[in-house]
Protein backbone atom coordinates (compact mmCIF):
# COMPACT_ATOMS: atom_id res chain seq x y z
CA UNK A 1 128.25 137.42 75.48
CA UNK A 2 131.15 135.85 73.51
CA UNK A 3 128.96 135.96 70.63
CA UNK A 4 128.06 139.51 71.61
CA UNK A 5 131.40 140.78 71.68
CA UNK A 6 132.48 138.97 68.08
CA UNK A 7 128.94 140.58 66.61
CA UNK A 8 130.43 144.40 68.20
CA UNK A 9 133.93 143.38 66.68
CA UNK A 10 132.92 142.80 63.49
CA UNK A 11 130.57 145.50 62.95
CA UNK A 12 133.21 147.92 64.04
CA UNK A 13 135.65 146.61 61.57
CA UNK A 14 132.86 146.64 59.16
CA UNK A 15 132.12 150.47 59.45
CA UNK A 16 135.94 151.22 59.44
CA UNK A 17 136.44 149.47 56.10
CA UNK A 18 133.42 151.88 54.98
CA UNK A 19 134.65 154.72 56.40
CA UNK A 20 138.64 154.23 55.23
CA UNK A 21 137.08 152.68 51.96
CA UNK A 22 134.89 156.04 51.67
CA UNK A 23 137.76 158.65 51.74
CA UNK A 24 139.90 156.58 49.78
CA UNK A 25 137.60 156.26 46.83
CA UNK A 26 136.65 159.99 47.57
CA UNK A 27 140.33 161.30 47.24
CA UNK A 28 140.78 158.63 44.23
CA UNK A 29 137.84 160.00 41.82
CA UNK A 30 135.98 163.29 43.38
CA UNK A 31 138.76 164.97 45.02
CA UNK A 32 140.95 167.69 42.83
CA UNK A 33 144.03 166.33 42.44
CA UNK A 34 146.49 163.98 40.21
CA UNK A 35 144.55 160.79 39.36
CA UNK A 36 147.76 158.23 38.96
CA UNK A 37 144.70 155.27 38.53
CA UNK A 38 144.12 156.54 35.15
CA UNK A 39 147.54 156.41 33.88
CA UNK A 40 148.01 153.42 31.57
CA UNK A 41 144.47 152.35 32.11
CA UNK A 42 143.19 149.76 28.90
CA UNK A 43 139.84 151.31 29.37
CA UNK A 44 141.32 154.88 27.85
CA UNK A 45 143.51 153.43 25.30
CA UNK A 46 143.11 154.76 22.17
CA UNK A 47 144.70 154.57 18.69
CA UNK A 48 147.70 156.19 17.86
CA UNK A 49 145.80 158.05 15.20
CA UNK A 50 144.12 159.34 17.86
CA UNK A 51 146.38 160.24 20.22
CA UNK A 52 148.65 162.24 17.74
CA UNK A 53 145.60 164.22 16.85
CA UNK A 54 144.59 165.21 20.44
CA UNK A 55 148.48 165.95 21.36
CA UNK A 56 150.19 167.20 18.10
CA UNK A 57 146.95 168.15 16.05
CA UNK A 58 146.64 171.41 14.06
CA UNK A 59 143.72 172.52 16.07
CA UNK A 60 146.27 173.48 18.91
CA UNK A 61 148.08 175.75 16.89
CA UNK A 62 144.99 177.22 16.05
CA UNK A 63 143.67 177.58 19.43
CA UNK A 64 146.70 179.46 20.29
CA UNK A 65 146.49 181.60 17.78
CA UNK A 66 142.60 182.58 18.44
CA UNK A 67 142.28 186.24 20.40
CA UNK A 68 139.99 184.68 23.28
CA UNK A 69 137.97 186.96 25.58
CA UNK A 70 138.42 185.43 29.41
CA UNK A 71 135.26 186.02 31.10
CA UNK A 72 134.38 185.14 34.71
CA UNK A 73 131.51 183.65 36.76
CA UNK A 74 130.27 183.67 40.33
CA UNK A 75 128.88 180.58 40.85
CA UNK A 76 125.84 180.10 43.03
CA UNK A 77 127.73 178.68 45.90
CA UNK A 78 130.78 181.52 45.53
CA UNK A 79 133.27 179.49 43.09
CA UNK A 80 135.10 182.41 40.76
CA UNK A 81 134.83 180.27 37.08
CA UNK A 82 136.58 180.58 34.53
CA UNK A 83 135.71 180.46 30.59
CA UNK A 84 136.84 181.79 26.89
CA UNK A 85 134.68 183.72 24.39
CA UNK A 86 136.11 183.49 20.50
CA UNK A 87 133.58 186.10 18.55
CA UNK A 88 133.08 184.59 15.31
CA UNK A 89 134.53 185.80 11.94
CA UNK A 90 131.23 186.86 10.74
CA UNK A 91 128.17 188.49 12.91
CA UNK A 92 125.83 185.80 14.08
CA UNK A 93 123.64 185.03 17.01
CA UNK A 94 124.56 181.44 17.14
CA UNK A 95 126.70 180.69 19.61
CA UNK A 96 128.12 176.77 20.69
CA UNK A 97 128.99 176.26 24.63
CA UNK A 98 131.84 173.53 24.43
CA UNK A 99 131.84 171.34 28.01
CA UNK A 100 135.22 169.31 28.20
CA UNK A 101 135.61 165.49 30.31
CA UNK A 102 136.92 165.05 33.21
CA UNK A 103 140.13 166.20 34.44
CA UNK A 104 140.09 168.51 30.96
CA UNK A 105 140.01 171.66 30.76
CA UNK A 106 138.37 174.56 28.60
CA UNK A 107 140.94 175.02 25.49
CA UNK A 108 140.95 171.14 24.95
CA UNK A 109 137.46 171.55 23.53
CA UNK A 110 139.21 173.48 20.57
CA UNK A 111 139.13 170.26 18.79
CA UNK A 112 135.58 170.77 18.00
CA UNK A 113 135.54 174.37 18.12
CA UNK A 114 137.56 175.17 15.13
CA UNK A 115 134.82 173.14 13.08
CA UNK A 116 132.57 175.53 14.57
CA UNK A 117 134.12 178.41 14.02
CA UNK A 118 135.79 177.88 10.35
CA UNK A 119 132.74 175.67 8.89
CA UNK A 120 130.06 176.50 10.82
CA UNK A 121 130.61 179.98 11.77
CA UNK A 122 129.60 180.17 15.18
CA UNK A 123 130.82 182.40 18.22
CA UNK A 124 132.61 179.75 20.73
CA UNK A 125 132.58 179.96 24.69
CA UNK A 126 134.24 177.47 26.13
CA UNK A 127 134.39 176.98 30.31
CA UNK A 128 135.91 175.54 32.65
CA UNK A 129 134.39 173.55 34.86
CA UNK A 130 134.75 173.71 38.73
CA UNK A 131 137.78 172.15 39.68
CA UNK A 132 139.55 172.18 36.53
CA UNK A 133 141.76 174.54 34.30
CA UNK A 134 141.32 178.08 35.78
CA UNK A 135 138.00 177.91 37.63
CA UNK A 136 137.97 177.41 41.66
CA UNK A 137 136.86 174.13 43.50
CA UNK A 138 138.76 171.46 45.45
CA UNK A 139 136.51 168.62 43.91
CA UNK A 140 134.83 167.35 41.11
CA UNK A 141 131.30 167.40 40.05
CA UNK A 142 130.90 164.87 37.51
CA UNK A 143 128.24 167.45 35.55
CA UNK A 144 125.93 168.08 38.45
CA UNK A 145 126.85 171.07 40.10
CA UNK A 146 128.26 171.92 36.75
CA UNK A 147 124.65 171.93 35.47
CA UNK A 148 123.89 175.01 37.28
CA UNK A 149 127.57 176.60 36.12
CA UNK A 150 126.40 176.02 32.82
CA UNK A 151 122.80 177.45 33.13
CA UNK A 152 124.64 180.57 34.66
CA UNK A 153 127.18 180.89 31.97
CA UNK A 154 124.29 181.00 29.88
CA UNK A 155 122.01 183.90 31.31
CA UNK A 156 125.64 185.56 31.43
CA UNK A 157 125.79 184.94 27.73
CA UNK A 158 122.43 186.26 26.99
CA UNK A 159 122.37 189.42 28.45
CA UNK A 160 125.61 190.12 27.44
CA UNK A 161 124.92 189.58 23.50
CA UNK A 162 120.88 189.72 23.62
CA UNK A 163 117.70 187.95 23.93
CA UNK A 164 118.07 186.66 20.26
CA UNK A 165 121.03 185.01 20.87
CA UNK A 166 120.56 180.94 19.96
CA UNK A 167 122.58 178.31 21.51
CA UNK A 168 123.93 175.01 21.18
CA UNK A 169 125.35 172.72 24.12
CA UNK A 170 128.11 170.49 23.19
CA UNK A 171 129.47 168.11 25.37
CA UNK A 172 131.97 165.60 25.85
CA UNK A 173 132.10 162.41 28.18
CA UNK A 174 131.51 164.59 31.76
CA UNK A 175 130.71 167.64 29.59
CA UNK A 176 128.35 165.62 27.81
CA UNK A 177 126.73 164.31 31.41
CA UNK A 178 126.77 167.99 32.21
CA UNK A 179 125.01 169.46 29.28
CA UNK A 180 122.40 166.38 29.61
CA UNK A 181 121.69 167.37 33.43
CA UNK A 182 121.52 170.72 32.41
CA UNK A 183 118.13 170.19 29.67
CA UNK A 184 115.92 168.99 32.40
CA UNK A 185 116.32 172.30 34.26
CA UNK A 186 113.02 174.80 34.92
CA UNK A 187 115.27 177.48 34.37
CA UNK A 188 116.98 176.47 31.64
CA UNK A 189 117.17 179.28 28.96
CA UNK A 190 115.09 179.34 25.80
CA UNK A 191 118.12 180.15 24.02
CA UNK A 192 119.59 176.79 24.19
CA UNK A 193 118.34 175.32 20.68
CA UNK A 194 119.81 172.13 20.79
CA UNK A 195 122.42 169.89 22.91
CA UNK A 196 125.35 167.54 21.30
CA UNK A 197 126.40 164.70 23.94
CA UNK A 198 129.21 162.83 23.18
CA UNK A 199 130.13 159.76 24.98
CA UNK A 200 127.74 160.43 27.96
CA UNK A 201 126.80 158.31 31.32
CA UNK A 202 123.25 158.22 32.97
CA UNK A 203 124.28 158.80 36.38
CA UNK A 204 127.61 158.97 38.40
CA UNK A 205 126.22 155.95 40.41
CA UNK A 206 126.12 153.79 37.33
CA UNK A 207 129.34 155.33 35.95
CA UNK A 208 131.33 154.22 39.32
CA UNK A 209 129.58 151.32 39.77
CA UNK A 210 130.34 149.99 36.09
CA UNK A 211 134.31 151.13 37.21
CA UNK A 212 134.25 149.83 40.62
CA UNK A 213 133.99 146.50 38.93
CA UNK A 214 136.19 147.02 36.03
CA UNK A 215 138.77 148.30 37.78
CA UNK A 216 138.71 147.04 41.46
CA UNK A 217 136.34 143.41 40.84
CA UNK A 218 134.50 145.19 43.52
CA UNK A 219 130.09 145.40 44.05
CA UNK A 220 128.89 148.54 44.58
CA UNK A 221 127.07 148.18 47.43
CA UNK A 222 127.93 149.20 50.10
CA UNK A 223 131.33 150.90 49.51
CA UNK A 224 129.59 153.20 46.55
CA UNK A 225 126.91 154.20 48.70
CA UNK A 226 129.22 155.06 51.79
CA UNK A 227 131.25 157.29 49.51
CA UNK A 228 128.27 158.92 47.55
CA UNK A 229 127.21 159.69 51.36
CA UNK A 230 130.96 161.23 52.05
CA UNK A 231 130.67 163.58 48.71
CA UNK A 232 127.50 165.01 50.01
CA UNK A 233 128.78 166.08 52.93
CA UNK A 234 132.22 167.18 51.39
CA UNK A 235 131.02 168.39 47.79
CA UNK A 236 127.01 168.70 48.33
CA UNK A 237 126.15 166.25 45.86
CA UNK A 238 125.62 162.43 45.96
CA UNK A 239 125.91 159.47 43.16
CA UNK A 240 122.33 158.47 42.44
CA UNK A 241 121.33 162.43 42.13
CA UNK A 242 123.67 163.84 39.79
CA UNK A 243 121.69 162.24 37.11
CA UNK A 244 121.13 162.51 33.21
CA UNK A 245 118.53 160.03 33.09
CA UNK A 246 116.12 162.02 34.95
CA UNK A 247 116.93 165.26 33.15
CA UNK A 248 116.20 163.84 29.47
CA UNK A 249 113.12 162.56 30.50
CA UNK A 250 111.76 165.71 30.69
CA UNK A 251 113.42 167.76 28.39
CA UNK A 252 112.32 169.25 25.33
CA UNK A 253 115.54 170.16 24.10
CA UNK A 254 116.37 167.99 20.60
CA UNK A 255 119.76 165.96 21.53
CA UNK A 256 122.26 164.55 19.36
CA UNK A 257 123.92 161.55 20.86
CA UNK A 258 127.35 160.32 20.05
CA UNK A 259 129.12 157.51 21.11
CA UNK A 260 132.15 154.97 20.70
CA UNK A 261 130.82 151.10 19.73
CA UNK A 262 134.02 150.07 21.61
CA UNK A 263 133.99 152.39 24.35
CA UNK A 264 135.22 150.36 27.61
CA UNK A 265 135.29 153.71 30.03
CA UNK A 266 131.57 154.62 29.66
CA UNK A 267 130.17 151.63 27.64
CA UNK A 268 127.98 152.44 24.68
CA UNK A 269 124.90 151.00 26.60
CA UNK A 270 124.75 154.25 28.70
CA UNK A 271 124.17 156.04 25.74
CA UNK A 272 121.47 153.53 24.55
CA UNK A 273 119.61 153.88 27.56
CA UNK A 274 119.72 157.57 27.61
CA UNK A 275 118.05 157.22 24.43
CA UNK A 276 114.99 155.26 25.22
CA UNK A 277 113.94 157.76 28.01
CA UNK A 278 114.71 161.27 25.96
CA UNK A 279 111.55 163.11 25.82
CA UNK A 280 112.75 165.30 22.93
CA UNK A 281 113.82 164.25 19.67
CA UNK A 282 117.04 162.51 18.96
CA UNK A 283 119.39 161.58 16.77
CA UNK A 284 122.34 159.18 17.19
CA UNK A 285 125.78 158.28 15.80
CA UNK A 286 127.42 155.20 16.96
CA UNK A 287 131.00 154.60 15.19
CA UNK A 288 132.41 151.52 15.21
CA UNK A 289 136.19 150.75 16.56
CA UNK A 290 135.95 153.80 18.79
CA UNK A 291 136.87 153.90 21.89
CA UNK A 292 136.39 156.64 24.86
CA UNK A 293 136.04 160.29 23.24
CA UNK A 294 137.38 159.47 20.08
CA UNK A 295 134.51 159.30 17.59
CA UNK A 296 135.43 162.70 16.18
CA UNK A 297 138.71 161.73 14.94
CA UNK A 298 138.28 157.99 13.56
CA UNK A 299 134.79 159.28 12.02
CA UNK A 300 135.35 163.11 11.23
CA UNK A 301 133.57 163.28 8.03
CA UNK A 302 130.76 161.48 9.07
CA UNK A 303 130.89 163.50 12.49
CA UNK A 304 130.66 166.98 11.02
CA UNK A 305 128.10 165.85 8.16
CA UNK A 306 125.71 164.73 11.01
CA UNK A 307 126.22 167.13 13.34
CA UNK A 308 126.09 169.73 10.63
CA UNK A 309 122.54 168.28 9.17
CA UNK A 310 121.15 167.99 12.83
CA UNK A 311 121.56 171.71 13.40
CA UNK A 312 120.50 172.16 10.21
CA UNK A 313 117.10 171.11 11.26
CA UNK A 314 116.93 172.99 14.24
CA UNK A 315 117.15 176.42 13.08
């Protein structure tokens, strides 16, 4: 009887730890709100050149000067989503849809949008992911629900601008995972001709497993699994189902993968694993000494040249 009581106490303590820990990590990463754990995070440190470009680059003034048209979309679960459309200076049927990263917003993708607009002559569309910017949502989807939002935005643009519209998806970090997750959907519009994925991850489970070990020195099991279950209940998705690998295994859309070789927040190996299983044609660019999301700044000319060459093969 004594051992039975001890086992019951241990099981109760274990269960309480899992419940408390699950809510802690859900609130830490998934629930909408400030994320102080990312402040002064060494894995997100970038070069002074990159930080200056991100915060004070001329692209910011360019974005502020553009006559963006605000578009809205009602998501499949009723959330009201926001996006920004900019018509090309010269008429074209080409549109780039730029998807931002975790805790970012649509207009930050103007760093890339300026190149597509000025040099490549594209129409621009930049959506706020659910829970970000001016879009509704009380959680972050890490690309999973966002993939369906992106497809619905695509259908809206095609309905508005015609069946001859040709679309490129270009995503950064969480936005890169979003475009990859969308790539394998059966209802992906035929107008999506190419995908650019800069610093993606394979699945939310793999990403969090890596970051739990690196930041908290904890194994993934069982706490990450219980947090995933809580996320399924509260946000409608699990960490394992939010998976880019499964999507690219069945896509026929050409993909250009980009990653910094010194990325310690989303390790480069994640992109290499994605490339290995991608069914469609792929090209890649790995930038030496680039940490998470800074490849465009540190290797700008190479990035632009390879991106332009990739798109030229598609059209």
